[in-house]
Protein backbone atom coordinates (compact mmCIF):
# COMPACT_ATOMS: atom_id res chain seq x y z
CA MET A 1 -0.46 65.94 42.33
CA GLY A 2 2.03 66.19 39.46
CA ARG A 3 2.52 63.64 36.73
CA GLY A 4 5.77 62.36 38.27
CA THR A 5 4.10 61.96 41.65
CA ALA A 6 1.21 60.01 40.13
CA GLU A 7 3.65 57.76 38.26
CA ALA A 8 5.71 57.18 41.41
CA LEU A 9 2.58 56.29 43.38
CA SER A 10 1.51 53.90 40.62
CA ALA A 11 4.96 52.26 40.58
CA TYR A 12 4.91 52.02 44.39
CA ARG A 13 1.53 50.29 44.37
CA ALA A 14 2.62 47.93 41.57
CA LEU A 15 5.67 46.87 43.60
CA LEU A 16 3.55 46.25 46.70
CA ARG A 17 1.07 44.18 44.63
CA ALA A 18 3.95 42.14 43.21
CA THR A 19 5.35 41.43 46.68
CA ARG A 20 1.91 40.52 48.06
CA LYS A 21 1.42 38.03 45.24
CA SER A 22 4.91 36.52 45.31
CA PHE A 23 5.18 36.30 49.09
CA ALA A 24 1.57 35.34 49.89
CA GLY A 25 1.45 33.43 53.16
CA ASP A 26 4.95 34.50 54.22
CA THR A 27 4.36 37.26 56.78
CA LEU A 28 8.04 37.95 57.36
CA MET A 29 8.80 38.43 53.66
CA LEU A 30 5.62 40.47 53.14
CA ASN A 31 6.54 42.85 55.94
CA GLU A 32 10.23 43.07 55.07
CA SER A 33 9.61 43.62 51.37
CA ALA A 34 7.00 46.33 52.07
CA LEU A 35 9.47 48.10 54.38
CA GLU A 36 12.23 47.87 51.76
CA VAL A 37 9.98 49.21 48.98
CA ARG A 38 8.89 52.14 51.15
CA LYS A 39 12.49 52.85 52.19
CA LYS A 40 13.66 53.00 48.57
CA PHE A 41 10.86 55.36 47.58
CA GLU A 42 11.46 57.56 50.65
CA GLU A 43 15.17 57.78 49.83
CA ASN A 44 14.28 59.25 46.44
CA ARG A 45 11.35 61.44 47.50
CA ASN A 46 13.23 64.68 46.80
CA VAL A 47 14.67 63.76 43.40
CA THR A 48 13.73 66.51 40.95
CA SER A 49 15.76 65.63 37.86
CA GLU A 50 13.35 64.46 35.16
CA GLU A 51 15.99 62.09 33.83
CA GLU A 52 16.68 60.57 37.25
CA ILE A 53 12.92 60.22 37.96
CA LYS A 54 12.46 58.35 34.67
CA LYS A 55 15.35 56.02 35.57
CA LEU A 56 13.96 55.37 39.06
CA LEU A 57 10.48 54.65 37.66
CA ALA A 58 11.97 52.27 35.07
CA ASP A 59 13.90 50.53 37.88
CA ALA A 60 10.69 50.18 39.91
CA CYS A 61 8.87 48.73 36.89
CA GLU A 62 11.71 46.27 36.31
CA ALA A 63 11.67 45.27 39.99
CA SER A 64 7.90 44.63 39.86
CA ASP A 65 8.35 42.47 36.79
CA PHE A 66 11.24 40.56 38.37
CA ILE A 67 9.35 39.93 41.63
CA SER A 68 6.22 38.84 39.75
CA ASN A 69 7.94 36.57 37.24
CA MET A 70 11.21 35.38 38.72
CA ILE A 71 10.49 34.78 42.40
CA VAL A 72 8.52 31.82 43.72
CA GLN A 73 7.98 30.59 47.26
CA ALA A 74 9.10 27.05 48.09
CA LYS A 75 7.21 25.00 50.65
CA LEU A 76 8.52 22.03 52.62
CA ASN A 77 6.74 18.87 51.50
CA SER A 78 6.10 15.57 53.30
CA ARG A 79 9.17 13.98 51.66
CA GLY A 80 11.51 16.52 53.27
CA GLY A 81 12.16 18.51 50.11
CA PHE A 82 11.05 21.94 49.07
CA GLU A 83 8.38 22.08 46.40
CA VAL A 84 7.86 25.03 44.12
CA LYS A 85 4.60 25.42 42.23
CA PRO A 86 5.14 28.20 39.75
CA SER A 87 2.08 29.93 38.35
CA LYS A 88 1.45 30.52 34.64
CA GLU A 89 3.89 33.45 34.77
CA HIS A 90 6.57 30.92 35.70
CA ALA A 91 5.84 28.40 32.92
CA GLY A 92 3.38 26.34 35.03
CA THR A 93 5.73 23.53 36.06
CA THR A 94 6.37 22.05 39.50
CA LEU A 95 9.93 21.80 40.69
CA GLU A 96 11.20 19.98 43.75
CA ILE A 97 14.36 21.18 45.40
CA PRO A 98 15.95 18.90 48.02
CA SER A 99 16.35 20.38 51.47
CA GLU A 100 19.69 20.44 53.23
CA GLU A 101 18.57 17.49 55.38
CA THR A 102 17.91 15.26 52.36
CA LEU A 103 21.07 16.05 50.43
CA PRO A 104 23.84 13.45 50.72
CA ARG A 105 26.70 14.70 52.83
CA SER A 106 30.29 14.26 51.70
CA VAL A 107 32.82 13.44 54.36
């Protein structure tokens, strides 16, 4: 296995770990994100340009970071709103986002 292949495999695994963490408990998102990650890597399997490989690996690293630090799952709470409990990567605060049903409707 060449260096580029090892780096691609490492980036692939990092992306899957990020999606498993960010979408824990959401089977649909876990499955869909895993399929999308695999699709993107498969699309670029035959890239041989060192420069393009470096760019693709940097993009994968950026995507892992974004998924890990910028995406949180919201859960419906007993008050009818969506509650987000970010982890320490997300500043450790709790946000509540009103659901469509609880927002006032303008006529």
